[in-house]
């Protein structure tokens, strides 16, 4: 299903709509989980910044931290969703415990990442 596209193809399509952004606007990479396609996410964010677009990612935080390190220079905002603070309940409802998620959140906070923490 779907169509294979490059980051360049996607940015070109986004820039075709730039007139609607006025002086503000940009892209938000969202789910499933955009960090599960790290090369595409990094390329899209880098190209967006090169073209003067604001950049945001919406994430559950369930990924390897080095992926955040790669994309952080290109992000204006991280929308970080915390589904549940209790590890057992998180595993029950989301299928995985939240140890990795909370560890990533702590590292991002320590690195002063631009972030809004949300509880969906």
PDB file of N, CA and C in Angstrom:
ATOM      1  N   UNK A   1       0.836  -1.178   0.000  1.00  0.00           N
ATOM      2  CA  UNK A   1       0.000   0.000   0.000  1.00  0.00           C
ATOM      3  C   UNK A   1       0.878   1.238   0.000  1.00  0.00           C
ATOM      4  N   UNK A   2       0.360   2.282  -0.545  1.00  0.00           N
ATOM      5  CA  UNK A   2       1.064   3.553  -0.512  1.00  0.00           C
ATOM      6  C   UNK A   2       2.015   3.709  -1.679  1.00  0.00           C
ATOM      7  N   UNK A   3       2.747   4.810  -1.643  1.00  0.00           N
ATOM      8  CA  UNK A   3       3.681   5.152  -2.692  1.00  0.00           C
ATOM      9  C   UNK A   3       5.028   5.472  -2.066  1.00  0.00           C
ATOM     10  N   UNK A   4       6.104   4.941  -2.639  1.00  0.00           N
ATOM     11  CA  UNK A   4       7.434   5.275  -2.151  1.00  0.00           C
ATOM     12  C   UNK A   4       7.794   6.662  -2.661  1.00  0.00           C
ATOM     13  N   UNK A   5       8.248   7.503  -1.715  1.00  0.00           N
ATOM     14  CA  UNK A   5       8.618   8.872  -2.065  1.00  0.00           C
ATOM     15  C   UNK A   5       9.884   9.245  -1.322  1.00  0.00           C
ATOM     16  N   UNK A   6      10.630  10.153  -1.895  1.00  0.00           N
ATOM     17  CA  UNK A   6      11.831  10.646  -1.228  1.00  0.00           C
ATOM     18  C   UNK A   6      11.478  11.874  -0.406  1.00  0.00           C
ATOM     19  N   UNK A   7      12.385  12.234   0.478  1.00  0.00           N
ATOM     20  CA  UNK A   7      12.197  13.451   1.265  1.00  0.00           C
ATOM     21  C   UNK A   7      12.100  14.665   0.339  1.00  0.00           C
ATOM     22  N   UNK A   8      12.885  14.670  -0.719  1.00  0.00           N
ATOM     23  CA  UNK A   8      12.835  15.768  -1.682  1.00  0.00           C
ATOM     24  C   UNK A   8      11.478  15.900  -2.344  1.00  0.00           C
ATOM     25  N   UNK A   9      10.887  14.760  -2.713  1.00  0.00           N
ATOM     26  CA  UNK A   9       9.543  14.777  -3.308  1.00  0.00           C
ATOM     27  C   UNK A   9       8.524  15.371  -2.348  1.00  0.00           C
ATOM     28  N   UNK A  10       8.616  14.960  -1.102  1.00  0.00           N
ATOM     29  CA  UNK A  10       7.649  15.406  -0.097  1.00  0.00           C
ATOM     30  C   UNK A  10       7.808  16.896   0.178  1.00  0.00           C
ATOM     31  N   UNK A  11       9.052  17.360   0.334  1.00  0.00           N
ATOM     32  CA  UNK A  11       9.282  18.780   0.592  1.00  0.00           C
ATOM     33  C   UNK A  11       8.820  19.620  -0.597  1.00  0.00           C
ATOM     34  N   UNK A  12       9.045  19.131  -1.797  1.00  0.00           N
ATOM     35  CA  UNK A  12       8.581  19.866  -2.984  1.00  0.00           C
ATOM     36  C   UNK A  12       7.066  20.063  -2.946  1.00  0.00           C
ATOM     37  N   UNK A  13       6.351  19.020  -2.568  1.00  0.00           N
ATOM     38  CA  UNK A  13       4.892  19.128  -2.465  1.00  0.00           C
ATOM     39  C   UNK A  13       4.485  20.109  -1.361  1.00  0.00           C
ATOM     40  N   UNK A  14       5.183  20.046  -0.237  1.00  0.00           N
ATOM     41  CA  UNK A  14       4.905  20.962   0.870  1.00  0.00           C
ATOM     42  C   UNK A  14       5.143  22.405   0.435  1.00  0.00           C
ATOM     43  N   UNK A  15       6.237  22.647  -0.254  1.00  0.00           N
ATOM     44  CA  UNK A  15       6.576  24.007  -0.678  1.00  0.00           C
ATOM     45  C   UNK A  15       5.600  24.542  -1.717  1.00  0.00           C
ATOM     46  N   UNK A  16       4.953  23.661  -2.455  1.00  0.00           N
ATOM     47  CA  UNK A  16       3.925  24.109  -3.402  1.00  0.00           C
ATOM     48  C   UNK A  16       2.759  24.785  -2.677  1.00  0.00           C
ATOM     49  N   UNK A  17       2.568  24.452  -1.412  1.00  0.00           N
ATOM     50  CA  UNK A  17       1.478  25.033  -0.617  1.00  0.00           C
ATOM     51  C   UNK A  17       1.958  26.173   0.287  1.00  0.00           C
ATOM     52  N   UNK A  18       3.178  26.597   0.108  1.00  0.00           N
ATOM     53  CA  UNK A  18       3.768  27.593   1.003  1.00  0.00           C
ATOM     54  C   UNK A  18       2.964  28.892   1.065  1.00  0.00           C
ATOM     55  N   UNK A  19       2.298  29.250   0.005  1.00  0.00           N
ATOM     56  CA  UNK A  19       1.506  30.479  -0.017  1.00  0.00           C
ATOM     57  C   UNK A  19       0.456  30.490   1.101  1.00  0.00           C
ATOM     58  N   UNK A  20       0.001  29.320   1.501  1.00  0.00           N
ATOM     59  CA  UNK A  20      -1.017  29.227   2.547  1.00  0.00           C
ATOM     60  C   UNK A  20      -0.427  29.356   3.953  1.00  0.00           C
ATOM     61  N   UNK A  21       0.892  29.271   4.089  1.00  0.00           N
ATOM     62  CA  UNK A  21       1.537  29.337   5.403  1.00  0.00           C
ATOM     63  C   UNK A  21       1.708  30.763   5.906  1.00  0.00           C
ATOM     64  N   UNK A  22       1.610  31.738   5.018  1.00  0.00           N
ATOM     65  CA  UNK A  22       1.896  33.143   5.328  1.00  0.00           C
ATOM     66  C   UNK A  22       3.314  33.237   5.860  1.00  0.00           C
ATOM     67  N   UNK A  23       3.528  33.980   6.933  1.00  0.00           N
ATOM     68  CA  UNK A  23       4.870  34.116   7.505  1.00  0.00           C
ATOM     69  C   UNK A  23       5.178  33.012   8.506  1.00  0.00           C
ATOM     70  N   UNK A  24       4.176  32.221   8.826  1.00  0.00           N
ATOM     71  CA  UNK A  24       4.353  31.147   9.789  1.00  0.00           C
ATOM     72  C   UNK A  24       3.957  29.838   9.133  1.00  0.00           C
ATOM     73  N   UNK A  25       4.249  28.783   9.781  1.00  0.00           N
ATOM     74  CA  UNK A  25       3.828  27.485   9.272  1.00  0.00           C
ATOM     75  C   UNK A  25       5.009  26.588   9.018  1.00  0.00           C
ATOM     76  N   UNK A  26       4.688  25.354   8.827  1.00  0.00           N
ATOM     77  CA  UNK A  26       5.748  24.392   8.601  1.00  0.00           C
ATOM     78  C   UNK A  26       5.200  22.990   8.544  1.00  0.00           C
ATOM     79  N   UNK A  27       5.993  22.063   9.064  1.00  0.00           N
ATOM     80  CA  UNK A  27       5.605  20.661   9.007  1.00  0.00           C
ATOM     81  C   UNK A  27       5.599  20.044  10.398  1.00  0.00           C
ATOM     82  N   UNK A  28       4.719  19.081  10.560  1.00  0.00           N
ATOM     83  CA  UNK A  28       4.686  18.255  11.764  1.00  0.00           C
ATOM     84  C   UNK A  28       4.756  16.805  11.323  1.00  0.00           C
ATOM     85  N   UNK A  29       5.782  16.098  11.788  1.00  0.00           N
ATOM     86  CA  UNK A  29       5.882  14.669  11.534  1.00  0.00           C
ATOM     87  C   UNK A  29       5.131  13.972  12.650  1.00  0.00           C
ATOM     88  N   UNK A  30       4.200  13.118  12.271  1.00  0.00           N
ATOM     89  CA  UNK A  30       3.340  12.479  13.246  1.00  0.00           C
ATOM     90  C   UNK A  30       3.137  11.025  12.868  1.00  0.00           C
ATOM     91  N   UNK A  31       2.272  10.339  13.543  1.00  0.00           N
ATOM     92  CA  UNK A  31       2.222   8.899  13.616  1.00  0.00           C
ATOM     93  C   UNK A  31       1.502   8.123  12.564  1.00  0.00           C
ATOM     94  N   UNK A  32       1.658   6.932  12.926  1.00  0.00           N
ATOM     95  CA  UNK A  32       2.286   6.076  13.942  1.00  0.00           C
ATOM     96  C   UNK A  32       3.352   6.784  14.733  1.00  0.00           C
ATOM     97  N   UNK A  33       4.575   6.339  14.584  1.00  0.00           N
ATOM     98  CA  UNK A  33       5.719   6.913  15.292  1.00  0.00           C
ATOM     99  C   UNK A  33       6.757   7.321  14.250  1.00  0.00           C
ATOM    100  N   UNK A  34       6.933   8.624  14.020  1.00  0.00           N
ATOM    101  CA  UNK A  34       7.825   9.070  12.943  1.00  0.00           C
ATOM    102  C   UNK A  34       9.290   8.695  13.141  1.00  0.00           C
ATOM    103  N   UNK A  35       9.708   8.424  14.379  1.00  0.00           N
ATOM    104  CA  UNK A  35      11.105   8.040  14.591  1.00  0.00           C
ATOM    105  C   UNK A  35      11.383   6.611  14.128  1.00  0.00           C
ATOM    106  N   UNK A  36      10.359   5.874  13.740  1.00  0.00           N
ATOM    107  CA  UNK A  36      10.563   4.524  13.208  1.00  0.00           C
ATOM    108  C   UNK A  36      11.030   4.552  11.756  1.00  0.00           C
ATOM    109  N   UNK A  37      11.036   5.745  11.152  1.00  0.00           N
ATOM    110  CA  UNK A  37      11.637   5.962   9.833  1.00  0.00           C
ATOM    111  C   UNK A  37      12.670   7.079   9.999  1.00  0.00           C
ATOM    112  N   UNK A  38      13.754   6.803  10.732  1.00  0.00           N
ATOM    113  CA  UNK A  38      14.659   7.885  11.144  1.00  0.00           C
ATOM    114  C   UNK A  38      15.348   8.610   9.991  1.00  0.00           C
ATOM    115  N   UNK A  39      15.741   7.887   8.937  1.00  0.00           N
ATOM    116  CA  UNK A  39      16.419   8.568   7.831  1.00  0.00           C
ATOM    117  C   UNK A  39      15.469   9.539   7.130  1.00  0.00           C
ATOM    118  N   UNK A  40      14.233   9.108   6.905  1.00  0.00           N
ATOM    119  CA  UNK A  40      13.255   9.983   6.260  1.00  0.00           C
ATOM    120  C   UNK A  40      12.926  11.171   7.161  1.00  0.00           C
ATOM    121  N   UNK A  41      12.722  10.923   8.438  1.00  0.00           N
ATOM    122  CA  UNK A  41      12.410  12.010   9.370  1.00  0.00           C
ATOM    123  C   UNK A  41      13.533  13.043   9.385  1.00  0.00           C
ATOM    124  N   UNK A  42      14.761  12.583   9.493  1.00  0.00           N
ATOM    125  CA  UNK A  42      15.897  13.508   9.524  1.00  0.00           C
ATOM    126  C   UNK A  42      15.995  14.295   8.219  1.00  0.00           C
ATOM    127  N   UNK A  43      15.842  13.621   7.092  1.00  0.00           N
ATOM    128  CA  UNK A  43      15.937  14.300   5.795  1.00  0.00           C
ATOM    129  C   UNK A  43      14.823  15.331   5.626  1.00  0.00           C
ATOM    130  N   UNK A  44      13.606  14.975   5.992  1.00  0.00           N
ATOM    131  CA  UNK A  44      12.489  15.919   5.873  1.00  0.00           C
ATOM    132  C   UNK A  44      12.697  17.144   6.754  1.00  0.00           C
ATOM    133  N   UNK A  45      13.102  16.908   7.988  1.00  0.00           N
ATOM    134  CA  UNK A  45      13.305  18.025   8.912  1.00  0.00           C
ATOM    135  C   UNK A  45      14.447  18.925   8.446  1.00  0.00           C
ATOM    136  N   UNK A  46      15.527  18.331   7.976  1.00  0.00           N
ATOM    137  CA  UNK A  46      16.668  19.112   7.480  1.00  0.00           C
ATOM    138  C   UNK A  46      16.257  19.963   6.288  1.00  0.00           C
ATOM    139  N   UNK A  47      15.544  19.361   5.330  1.00  0.00           N
ATOM    140  CA  UNK A  47      15.090  20.109   4.153  1.00  0.00           C
ATOM    141  C   UNK A  47      14.090  21.199   4.522  1.00  0.00           C
ATOM    142  N   UNK A  48      13.240  20.912   5.479  1.00  0.00           N
ATOM    143  CA  UNK A  48      12.273  21.923   5.924  1.00  0.00           C
ATOM    144  C   UNK A  48      12.997  23.132   6.504  1.00  0.00           C
ATOM    145  N   UNK A  49      13.993  22.899   7.357  1.00  0.00           N
ATOM    146  CA  UNK A  49      14.742  24.010   7.951  1.00  0.00           C
ATOM    147  C   UNK A  49      15.499  24.778   6.871  1.00  0.00           C
ATOM    148  N   UNK A  50      16.082  24.085   5.888  1.00  0.00           N
ATOM    149  CA  UNK A  50      16.780  24.756   4.793  1.00  0.00           C
ATOM    150  C   UNK A  50      15.850  25.667   4.008  1.00  0.00           C
ATOM    151  N   UNK A  51      14.566  25.337   4.003  1.00  0.00           N
ATOM    152  CA  UNK A  51      13.574  26.125   3.280  1.00  0.00           C
ATOM    153  C   UNK A  51      12.802  27.075   4.186  1.00  0.00           C
ATOM    154  N   UNK A  52      13.283  27.278   5.418  1.00  0.00           N
ATOM    155  CA  UNK A  52      12.697  28.266   6.310  1.00  0.00           C
ATOM    156  C   UNK A  52      11.377  27.867   6.945  1.00  0.00           C
ATOM    157  N   UNK A  53      11.098  26.568   7.001  1.00  0.00           N
ATOM    158  CA  UNK A  53       9.847  26.103   7.601  1.00  0.00           C
ATOM    159  C   UNK A  53      10.050  25.759   9.071  1.00  0.00           C
ATOM    160  N   UNK A  54       9.026  26.000   9.877  1.00  0.00           N
ATOM    161  CA  UNK A  54       9.028  25.537  11.255  1.00  0.00           C
ATOM    162  C   UNK A  54       8.858  24.020  11.254  1.00  0.00           C
ATOM    163  N   UNK A  55       9.436  23.362  12.253  1.00  0.00           N
ATOM    164  CA  UNK A  55       9.390  21.900  12.297  1.00  0.00           C
ATOM    165  C   UNK A  55       8.967  21.406  13.675  1.00  0.00           C
ATOM    166  N   UNK A  56       8.110  20.403  13.649  1.00  0.00           N
ATOM    167  CA  UNK A  56       7.611  19.775  14.873  1.00  0.00           C
ATOM    168  C   UNK A  56       7.547  18.272  14.649  1.00  0.00           C
ATOM    169  N   UNK A  57       7.737  17.530  15.724  1.00  0.00           N
ATOM    170  CA  UNK A  57       7.531  16.081  15.678  1.00  0.00           C
ATOM    171  C   UNK A  57       6.591  15.716  16.826  1.00  0.00           C
ATOM    172  N   UNK A  58       5.686  14.816  16.541  1.00  0.00           N
ATOM    173  CA  UNK A  58       4.774  14.284  17.550  1.00  0.00           C
ATOM    174  C   UNK A  58       5.229  12.854  17.814  1.00  0.00           C
ATOM    175  N   UNK A  59       5.586  12.551  19.058  1.00  0.00           N
ATOM    176  CA  UNK A  59       6.208  11.260  19.359  1.00  0.00           C
ATOM    177  C   UNK A  59       5.706  10.673  20.669  1.00  0.00           C
ATOM    178  N   UNK A  60       5.770   9.352  20.732  1.00  0.00           N
ATOM    179  CA  UNK A  60       5.516   8.647  21.988  1.00  0.00           C
ATOM    180  C   UNK A  60       6.808   8.519  22.790  1.00  0.00           C
ATOM    181  N   UNK A  61       7.945   8.812  22.141  1.00  0.00           N
ATOM    182  CA  UNK A  61       9.231   8.709  22.811  1.00  0.00           C
ATOM    183  C   UNK A  61       9.799   7.311  22.855  1.00  0.00           C
ATOM    184  N   UNK A  62       9.124   6.352  22.233  1.00  0.00           N
ATOM    185  CA  UNK A  62       9.575   4.966  22.274  1.00  0.00           C
ATOM    186  C   UNK A  62      10.497   4.685  21.084  1.00  0.00           C
ATOM    187  N   UNK A  63      11.743   5.113  21.233  1.00  0.00           N
ATOM    188  CA  UNK A  63      12.747   4.932  20.188  1.00  0.00           C
ATOM    189  C   UNK A  63      14.116   5.010  20.825  1.00  0.00           C
ATOM    190  N   UNK A  64      15.146   4.704  20.073  1.00  0.00           N
ATOM    191  CA  UNK A  64      16.509   4.830  20.593  1.00  0.00           C
ATOM    192  C   UNK A  64      16.876   6.310  20.671  1.00  0.00           C
ATOM    193  N   UNK A  65      17.552   6.703  21.741  1.00  0.00           N
ATOM    194  CA  UNK A  65      17.836   8.118  21.959  1.00  0.00           C
ATOM    195  C   UNK A  65      18.710   8.713  20.855  1.00  0.00           C
ATOM    196  N   UNK A  66      19.591   7.919  20.274  1.00  0.00           N
ATOM    197  CA  UNK A  66      20.464   8.482  19.241  1.00  0.00           C
ATOM    198  C   UNK A  66      19.663   9.020  18.055  1.00  0.00           C
ATOM    199  N   UNK A  67      18.448   8.529  17.861  1.00  0.00           N
ATOM    200  CA  UNK A  67      17.592   9.076  16.804  1.00  0.00           C
ATOM    201  C   UNK A  67      17.167  10.496  17.164  1.00  0.00           C
ATOM    202  N   UNK A  68      16.798  10.722  18.414  1.00  0.00           N
ATOM    203  CA  UNK A  68      16.489  12.085  18.849  1.00  0.00           C
ATOM    204  C   UNK A  68      17.702  12.990  18.680  1.00  0.00           C
ATOM    205  N   UNK A  69      18.893  12.479  19.007  1.00  0.00           N
ATOM    206  CA  UNK A  69      20.103  13.285  18.858  1.00  0.00           C
ATOM    207  C   UNK A  69      20.308  13.710  17.405  1.00  0.00           C
ATOM    208  N   UNK A  70      19.970  12.842  16.475  1.00  0.00           N
ATOM    209  CA  UNK A  70      20.145  13.159  15.051  1.00  0.00           C
ATOM    210  C   UNK A  70      19.155  14.206  14.565  1.00  0.00           C
ATOM    211  N   UNK A  71      17.906  14.164  15.056  1.00  0.00           N
ATOM    212  CA  UNK A  71      16.891  15.068  14.525  1.00  0.00           C
ATOM    213  C   UNK A  71      16.730  16.347  15.342  1.00  0.00           C
ATOM    214  N   UNK A  72      17.217  16.350  16.565  1.00  0.00           N
ATOM    215  CA  UNK A  72      17.044  17.507  17.444  1.00  0.00           C
ATOM    216  C   UNK A  72      17.532  18.829  16.842  1.00  0.00           C
ATOM    217  N   UNK A  73      18.660  18.852  16.131  1.00  0.00           N
ATOM    218  CA  UNK A  73      19.104  20.139  15.552  1.00  0.00           C
ATOM    219  C   UNK A  73      18.117  20.747  14.552  1.00  0.00           C
ATOM    220  N   UNK A  74      17.210  19.950  14.027  1.00  0.00           N
ATOM    221  CA  UNK A  74      16.277  20.420  13.003  1.00  0.00           C
ATOM    222  C   UNK A  74      14.868  20.640  13.549  1.00  0.00           C
ATOM    223  N   UNK A  75      14.698  20.554  14.858  1.00  0.00           N
ATOM    224  CA  UNK A  75      13.360  20.651  15.447  1.00  0.00           C
ATOM    225  C   UNK A  75      13.137  21.971  16.170  1.00  0.00           C
ATOM    226  N   UNK A  76      11.967  22.553  15.943  1.00  0.00           N
ATOM    227  CA  UNK A  76      11.530  23.712  16.704  1.00  0.00           C
ATOM    228  C   UNK A  76      10.699  23.289  17.909  1.00  0.00           C
ATOM    229  N   UNK A  77      10.074  22.113  17.816  1.00  0.00           N
ATOM    230  CA  UNK A  77       9.195  21.658  18.892  1.00  0.00           C
ATOM    231  C   UNK A  77       9.037  20.148  18.845  1.00  0.00           C
ATOM    232  N   UNK A  78       9.011  19.541  20.029  1.00  0.00           N
ATOM    233  CA  UNK A  78       8.681  18.127  20.184  1.00  0.00           C
ATOM    234  C   UNK A  78       7.387  18.055  20.985  1.00  0.00           C
ATOM    235  N   UNK A  79       6.372  17.436  20.413  1.00  0.00           N
ATOM    236  CA  UNK A  79       5.136  17.141  21.141  1.00  0.00           C
ATOM    237  C   UNK A  79       5.300  15.715  21.669  1.00  0.00           C
ATOM    238  N   UNK A  80       5.556  15.592  22.955  1.00  0.00           N
ATOM    239  CA  UNK A  80       5.916  14.312  23.577  1.00  0.00           C
ATOM    240  C   UNK A  80       4.729  13.800  24.367  1.00  0.00           C
ATOM    241  N   UNK A  81       4.151  12.713  23.911  1.00  0.00           N
ATOM    242  CA  UNK A  81       2.962  12.144  24.551  1.00  0.00           C
ATOM    243  C   UNK A  81       3.337  11.096  25.595  1.00  0.00           C
ATOM    244  N   UNK A  82       2.904  11.325  26.820  1.00  0.00           N
ATOM    245  CA  UNK A  82       3.067  10.362  27.909  1.00  0.00           C
ATOM    246  C   UNK A  82       1.696   9.730  28.135  1.00  0.00           C
ATOM    247  N   UNK A  83       1.589   8.467  27.838  1.00  0.00           N
ATOM    248  CA  UNK A  83       0.283   7.810  27.951  1.00  0.00           C
ATOM    249  C   UNK A  83      -0.044   7.415  29.387  1.00  0.00           C
ATOM    250  N   UNK A  84       0.987   7.016  30.143  1.00  0.00           N
ATOM    251  CA  UNK A  84       0.765   6.572  31.513  1.00  0.00           C
ATOM    252  C   UNK A  84       2.106   6.557  32.244  1.00  0.00           C
ATOM    253  N   UNK A  85       2.155   7.054  33.461  1.00  0.00           N
ATOM    254  CA  UNK A  85       3.404   7.081  34.215  1.00  0.00           C
ATOM    255  C   UNK A  85       3.737   5.732  34.853  1.00  0.00           C
ATOM    256  N   UNK A  86       2.748   4.939  35.166  1.00  0.00           N
ATOM    257  CA  UNK A  86       2.944   3.635  35.798  1.00  0.00           C
ATOM    258  C   UNK A  86       3.400   2.619  34.745  1.00  0.00           C
ATOM    259  N   UNK A  87       4.572   2.008  34.952  1.00  0.00           N
ATOM    260  CA  UNK A  87       5.152   1.090  33.961  1.00  0.00           C
ATOM    261  C   UNK A  87       4.248  -0.110  33.685  1.00  0.00           C
ATOM    262  N   UNK A  88       3.680  -0.704  34.728  1.00  0.00           N
ATOM    263  CA  UNK A  88       2.832  -1.887  34.541  1.00  0.00           C
ATOM    264  C   UNK A  88       1.560  -1.537  33.778  1.00  0.00           C
ATOM    265  N   UNK A  89       0.943  -0.426  34.138  1.00  0.00           N
ATOM    266  CA  UNK A  89      -0.267  -0.018  33.428  1.00  0.00           C
ATOM    267  C   UNK A  89       0.047   0.378  31.987  1.00  0.00           C
ATOM    268  N   UNK A  90       1.199   1.013  31.790  1.00  0.00           N
ATOM    269  CA  UNK A  90       1.599   1.378  30.431  1.00  0.00           C
ATOM    270  C   UNK A  90       1.750   0.119  29.589  1.00  0.00           C
ATOM    271  N   UNK A  91       2.386  -0.895  30.157  1.00  0.00           N
ATOM    272  CA  UNK A  91       2.552  -2.162  29.427  1.00  0.00           C
ATOM    273  C   UNK A  91       1.187  -2.795  29.153  1.00  0.00           C
ATOM    274  N   UNK A  92       0.300  -2.744  30.121  1.00  0.00           N
ATOM    275  CA  UNK A  92      -1.028  -3.328  29.959  1.00  0.00           C
ATOM    276  C   UNK A  92      -1.791  -2.660  28.819  1.00  0.00           C
ATOM    277  N   UNK A  93      -1.742  -1.338  28.762  1.00  0.00           N
ATOM    278  CA  UNK A  93      -2.561  -0.618  27.795  1.00  0.00           C
ATOM    279  C   UNK A  93      -1.859  -0.302  26.474  1.00  0.00           C
ATOM    280  N   UNK A  94      -0.524  -0.143  26.514  1.00  0.00           N
ATOM    281  CA  UNK A  94       0.200   0.234  25.295  1.00  0.00           C
ATOM    282  C   UNK A  94       1.040  -0.911  24.725  1.00  0.00           C
ATOM    283  N   UNK A  95       1.187  -1.988  25.486  1.00  0.00           N
ATOM    284  CA  UNK A  95       1.924  -3.142  24.989  1.00  0.00           C
ATOM    285  C   UNK A  95       3.398  -3.157  25.340  1.00  0.00           C
ATOM    286  N   UNK A  96       3.939  -2.049  25.838  1.00  0.00           N
ATOM    287  CA  UNK A  96       5.338  -1.966  26.279  1.00  0.00           C
ATOM    288  C   UNK A  96       5.382  -1.153  27.565  1.00  0.00           C
ATOM    289  N   UNK A  97       6.415  -1.432  28.389  1.00  0.00           N
ATOM    290  CA  UNK A  97       6.526  -0.580  29.570  1.00  0.00           C
ATOM    291  C   UNK A  97       7.091   0.771  29.138  1.00  0.00           C
ATOM    292  N   UNK A  98       7.155   1.712  30.053  1.00  0.00           N
ATOM    293  CA  UNK A  98       7.529   3.068  29.688  1.00  0.00           C
ATOM    294  C   UNK A  98       8.953   3.456  30.096  1.00  0.00           C
ATOM    295  N   UNK A  99       9.783   2.478  30.427  1.00  0.00           N
ATOM    296  CA  UNK A  99      11.146   2.782  30.870  1.00  0.00           C
ATOM    297  C   UNK A  99      11.916   3.553  29.804  1.00  0.00           C
ATOM    298  N   UNK A 100      11.921   3.061  28.586  1.00  0.00           N
ATOM    299  CA  UNK A 100      12.629   3.729  27.488  1.00  0.00           C
ATOM    300  C   UNK A 100      12.059   5.128  27.246  1.00  0.00           C
ATOM    301  N   UNK A 101      10.760   5.244  27.277  1.00  0.00           N
ATOM    302  CA  UNK A 101      10.085   6.520  27.036  1.00  0.00           C
ATOM    303  C   UNK A 101      10.491   7.554  28.077  1.00  0.00           C
ATOM    304  N   UNK A 102      10.430   7.174  29.348  1.00  0.00           N
ATOM    305  CA  UNK A 102      10.765   8.112  30.419  1.00  0.00           C
ATOM    306  C   UNK A 102      12.253   8.451  30.433  1.00  0.00           C
ATOM    307  N   UNK A 103      13.100   7.488  30.081  1.00  0.00           N
ATOM    308  CA  UNK A 103      14.540   7.749  29.972  1.00  0.00           C
ATOM    309  C   UNK A 103      14.799   8.762  28.868  1.00  0.00           C
ATOM    310  N   UNK A 104      14.147   8.587  27.722  1.00  0.00           N
ATOM    311  CA  UNK A 104      14.310   9.541  26.626  1.00  0.00           C
ATOM    312  C   UNK A 104      13.811  10.925  27.022  1.00  0.00           C
ATOM    313  N   UNK A 105      12.697  10.974  27.728  1.00  0.00           N
ATOM    314  CA  UNK A 105      12.152  12.253  28.176  1.00  0.00           C
ATOM    315  C   UNK A 105      13.148  12.967  29.095  1.00  0.00           C
ATOM    316  N   UNK A 106      13.726  12.235  30.038  1.00  0.00           N
ATOM    317  CA  UNK A 106      14.714  12.825  30.943  1.00  0.00           C
ATOM    318  C   UNK A 106      15.905  13.383  30.176  1.00  0.00           C
ATOM    319  N   UNK A 107      16.388  12.631  29.182  1.00  0.00           N
ATOM    320  CA  UNK A 107      17.541  13.090  28.391  1.00  0.00           C
ATOM    321  C   UNK A 107      17.187  14.329  27.578  1.00  0.00           C
ATOM    322  N   UNK A 108      16.007  14.356  26.997  1.00  0.00           N
ATOM    323  CA  UNK A 108      15.590  15.524  26.222  1.00  0.00           C
ATOM    324  C   UNK A 108      15.458  16.757  27.105  1.00  0.00           C
ATOM    325  N   UNK A 109      14.891  16.587  28.289  1.00  0.00           N
ATOM    326  CA  UNK A 109      14.774  17.704  29.229  1.00  0.00           C
ATOM    327  C   UNK A 109      16.166  18.194  29.637  1.00  0.00           C
ATOM    328  N   UNK A 110      17.077  17.264  29.921  1.00  0.00           N
ATOM    329  CA  UNK A 110      18.444  17.636  30.308  1.00  0.00           C
ATOM    330  C   UNK A 110      19.157  18.395  29.187  1.00  0.00           C
ATOM    331  N   UNK A 111      18.786  18.113  27.943  1.00  0.00           N
ATOM    332  CA  UNK A 111      19.384  18.799  26.795  1.00  0.00           C
ATOM    333  C   UNK A 111      18.595  20.034  26.375  1.00  0.00           C
ATOM    334  N   UNK A 112      17.644  20.443  27.197  1.00  0.00           N
ATOM    335  CA  UNK A 112      16.838  21.649  26.942  1.00  0.00           C
ATOM    336  C   UNK A 112      16.136  21.608  25.590  1.00  0.00           C
ATOM    337  N   UNK A 113      15.637  20.431  25.225  1.00  0.00           N
ATOM    338  CA  UNK A 113      14.908  20.278  23.967  1.00  0.00           C
ATOM    339  C   UNK A 113      13.616  21.090  24.027  1.00  0.00           C
ATOM    340  N   UNK A 114      13.241  21.722  22.917  1.00  0.00           N
ATOM    341  CA  UNK A 114      11.982  22.478  22.881  1.00  0.00           C
ATOM    342  C   UNK A 114      10.810  21.509  22.873  1.00  0.00           C
ATOM    343  N   UNK A 115      10.057  21.479  23.970  1.00  0.00           N
ATOM    344  CA  UNK A 115       9.105  20.384  24.126  1.00  0.00           C
ATOM    345  C   UNK A 115       7.836  20.807  24.838  1.00  0.00           C
ATOM    346  N   UNK A 116       6.756  20.172  24.423  1.00  0.00           N
ATOM    347  CA  UNK A 116       5.501  20.213  25.166  1.00  0.00           C
ATOM    348  C   UNK A 116       5.159  18.777  25.507  1.00  0.00           C
ATOM    349  N   UNK A 117       4.969  18.513  26.794  1.00  0.00           N
ATOM    350  CA  UNK A 117       4.609  17.179  27.243  1.00  0.00           C
ATOM    351  C   UNK A 117       3.086  17.128  27.320  1.00  0.00           C
ATOM    352  N   UNK A 118       2.532  16.076  26.717  1.00  0.00           N
ATOM    353  CA  UNK A 118       1.073  15.949  26.680  1.00  0.00           C
ATOM    354  C   UNK A 118       0.659  14.596  27.230  1.00  0.00           C
ATOM    355  N   UNK A 119      -0.518  14.548  27.803  1.00  0.00           N
ATOM    356  CA  UNK A 119      -1.107  13.293  28.275  1.00  0.00           C
ATOM    357  C   UNK A 119      -2.391  13.088  27.480  1.00  0.00           C
ATOM    358  N   UNK A 120      -2.328  12.231  26.449  1.00  0.00           N
ATOM    359  CA  UNK A 120      -3.524  12.041  25.603  1.00  0.00           C
ATOM    360  C   UNK A 120      -4.621  11.285  26.332  1.00  0.00           C
TER     361      UNK A 120
END
